Protein backbone atom coordinates (compact mmCIF):
# COMPACT_ATOMS: atom_id res chain seq x y z
CA MET A 1 117.45 121.34 117.04
CA ASN A 2 113.71 120.79 116.80
CA GLU A 3 111.81 124.06 116.85
CA ARG A 4 109.78 122.82 119.82
CA GLU A 5 112.85 122.06 121.96
CA SER A 6 114.28 124.68 124.25
CA GLY A 7 117.70 126.10 123.42
CA ASP A 8 119.35 124.64 126.54
CA GLY A 9 118.85 121.04 125.36
CA SER A 10 116.02 120.27 127.77
CA PHE A 11 112.82 118.72 126.55
CA ASP A 12 109.68 120.84 126.61
CA GLY A 13 107.37 118.11 125.32
CA PRO A 14 104.38 116.34 126.79
CA ARG A 15 104.46 114.89 130.30
CA ASP A 16 105.24 111.21 130.92
CA GLU A 17 101.58 110.25 131.29
CA ASP A 18 100.93 111.59 127.78
CA TRP A 19 102.96 108.74 126.24
CA ALA A 20 100.28 106.08 126.69
CA ASP A 21 98.99 104.48 123.51
CA ASP A 22 95.95 106.63 122.91
CA GLU A 23 93.60 104.91 120.49
CA GLY A 24 91.80 108.16 119.72
CA ARG A 25 94.97 109.94 118.68
CA ARG A 26 95.83 110.01 115.00
CA TRP A 27 99.56 110.09 114.39
CA PRO A 28 100.94 112.28 111.59
CA LEU A 29 102.21 110.63 108.41
CA SER A 30 105.65 112.16 108.91
CA TRP A 31 107.99 112.28 111.91
CA GLN A 32 109.92 115.48 111.13
CA GLN A 33 107.94 117.94 113.28
CA LEU A 34 107.66 115.70 116.34
CA TYR A 35 109.47 115.98 119.67
CA PRO A 36 112.39 113.53 120.11
CA ARG A 37 110.32 111.15 122.28
CA GLU A 38 107.34 111.40 119.97
CA ARG A 39 109.66 110.54 117.07
CA TRP A 40 110.74 107.38 118.88
CA LEU A 41 107.13 106.36 119.45
CA TRP A 42 106.21 107.23 115.86
CA PHE A 43 108.97 105.05 114.43
CA GLU A 44 108.26 102.28 116.93
CA ARG A 45 104.61 102.26 115.88
CA LEU A 46 105.65 102.21 112.24
CA TRP A 47 108.03 99.30 112.94
CA SER A 48 105.15 97.29 114.39
CA ASP A 49 102.88 98.26 111.50
CA VAL A 50 105.51 97.31 108.90
CA CYS A 51 106.00 93.92 110.56
CA ALA A 52 102.25 93.31 110.41
CA LEU A 53 101.82 94.63 106.84
CA ARG A 54 104.77 92.53 105.64
CA GLU A 55 103.07 89.35 106.84
CA ARG A 56 99.50 90.31 106.02
CA TYR A 57 100.11 91.43 102.44
CA ARG A 58 103.33 89.50 101.74
CA LEU A 59 105.15 92.75 101.04
CA ALA A 60 108.78 92.45 100.00
CA VAL A 61 110.03 94.99 102.54
CA ARG A 62 113.79 95.52 102.40
CA SER A 63 116.27 95.87 105.23
CA GLY A 64 116.99 99.53 105.96
CA TRP A 65 113.57 100.80 104.86
CA TRP A 66 113.70 103.27 107.79
CA GLU A 67 116.66 105.06 106.18
CA ASP A 68 114.78 105.84 102.94
CA GLN A 69 112.31 108.70 103.41
CA VAL A 70 110.16 107.62 100.45
CA GLN A 71 109.82 104.10 101.84
CA VAL A 72 109.04 105.50 105.31
CA GLU A 73 106.29 107.73 103.90
CA VAL A 74 104.84 104.96 101.74
CA LEU A 75 104.74 102.49 104.63
CA ALA A 76 103.28 105.09 107.02
CA ALA A 77 100.55 105.93 104.51
CA LEU A 78 99.76 102.26 103.88
CA ALA A 79 99.61 101.60 107.63
CA ALA A 80 97.23 104.55 108.14
CA TRP A 81 95.10 103.45 105.18
CA THR A 82 94.71 99.88 106.44
CA GLU A 83 94.11 101.06 110.02
CA ARG A 84 91.10 103.10 108.92
CA TYR A 85 89.54 100.04 107.35
CA ASP A 86 90.50 97.70 110.19
CA SER A 87 89.08 100.05 112.84
CA GLY A 88 85.76 100.39 111.01
CA GLU A 89 86.31 104.12 110.50
CA TRP A 90 86.00 103.45 106.78
CA ASP A 91 83.50 100.92 105.45
CA ASP A 92 83.94 101.17 101.71
CA PRO A 93 84.41 97.89 99.83
CA PRO A 94 85.48 99.59 96.56
CA GLY A 95 88.01 101.64 98.52
CA LYS A 96 89.35 98.52 100.21
CA LEU A 97 89.70 96.86 96.80
CA ALA A 98 91.58 99.94 95.60
CA LEU A 99 93.95 99.53 98.53
CA LEU A 100 94.52 95.88 97.60
CA TYR A 101 95.10 96.74 93.95
CA ASP A 102 97.52 99.50 94.97
CA LEU A 103 99.71 97.01 96.84
CA GLU A 104 101.52 96.34 93.57
CA ARG A 105 102.38 100.04 93.24
CA VAL A 106 103.39 100.17 96.90
CA SER A 107 105.70 97.20 96.29
CA GLU A 108 107.43 99.14 93.53
CA LEU A 109 108.10 102.05 95.90
CA ILE A 110 109.60 99.87 98.66
CA ARG A 111 111.71 97.53 96.55
CA ASP A 112 115.02 99.43 96.88
CA GLY A 113 117.60 97.54 98.91
CA LEU A 114 119.51 94.32 98.61
CA ASP A 115 118.54 92.34 101.69
CA PRO A 116 115.06 91.35 102.79
CA PHE A 117 113.76 92.80 106.04
CA TYR A 118 114.03 90.42 109.00
CA PRO A 119 112.73 92.07 112.19
CA GLU A 120 114.80 89.87 114.49
CA ARG A 121 118.02 90.73 112.67
CA ASP A 122 117.27 94.36 111.75
CA ARG A 123 115.99 95.65 115.09
CA VAL A 124 119.48 96.65 116.31
CA LEU A 125 120.19 98.63 113.11
CA PHE A 126 116.79 100.30 113.40
CA VAL A 127 117.42 101.38 117.01
CA ARG A 128 120.87 102.73 116.11
CA TYR A 129 119.28 104.77 113.34
CA LEU A 130 116.70 106.23 115.73
CA ILE A 131 119.42 107.21 118.18
CA ASP A 132 121.44 108.81 115.36
CA LEU A 133 118.32 110.76 114.36
CA GLY A 134 118.10 112.18 117.87
CA CYS A 135 115.02 110.21 118.88
CA LEU A 136 114.59 109.51 122.59
CA PRO A 137 112.91 106.44 124.06
CA PRO A 138 110.07 107.15 126.50
CA PRO A 139 110.98 107.45 130.20
CA GLY A 140 111.67 104.07 131.76
CA ARG A 141 112.31 102.39 128.41
CA ARG A 142 115.67 101.24 127.19
CA PRO A 143 116.53 101.71 123.51
CA ASP A 144 116.77 97.95 122.96
CA ASP A 145 113.35 97.14 124.43
CA PRO A 146 110.98 95.68 121.83
CA PRO A 147 108.12 97.93 120.69
CA GLU A 148 105.16 97.96 123.04
CA ARG A 149 102.63 97.34 120.24
CA ALA A 150 104.62 94.55 118.61
CA ASP A 151 103.62 90.96 118.52
CA ARG A 152 106.18 89.43 120.89
CA LYS A 153 106.43 86.29 118.73
CA ARG A 154 108.32 88.32 116.11
CA TYR A 155 111.21 89.07 118.47
């Protein structure tokens, strides 16, 4: 049980209107201390980010990356790093070059796994994993709905 959940199994988290994609909100780099619905949104956001990073930087992401905590943390950190440059929050050309040079090291950390990651094929396994983790989709969403932030062409 999450320490922020009540003992009777009910959810004491934010209200439904708090689930909107808030551009000013910075998500944590780890999902462990989040409410069940926040966990779902966190992983869904990471899914979309991984799909984009995979194409943008030609990363060899492997199927099942969501089951490996090191890969999850590496991909979350890379997504946060690139987002700060993309948003204009950081404007540091040497830092951006460092990010690009570090892609080789990132690739080493995410190489475990036999099969390449294919979003169309792996989405069902990803959703099953989230459900097994105890994550809850936001109200009005079904577990098999594609991520809200995702590029619909990928699904």
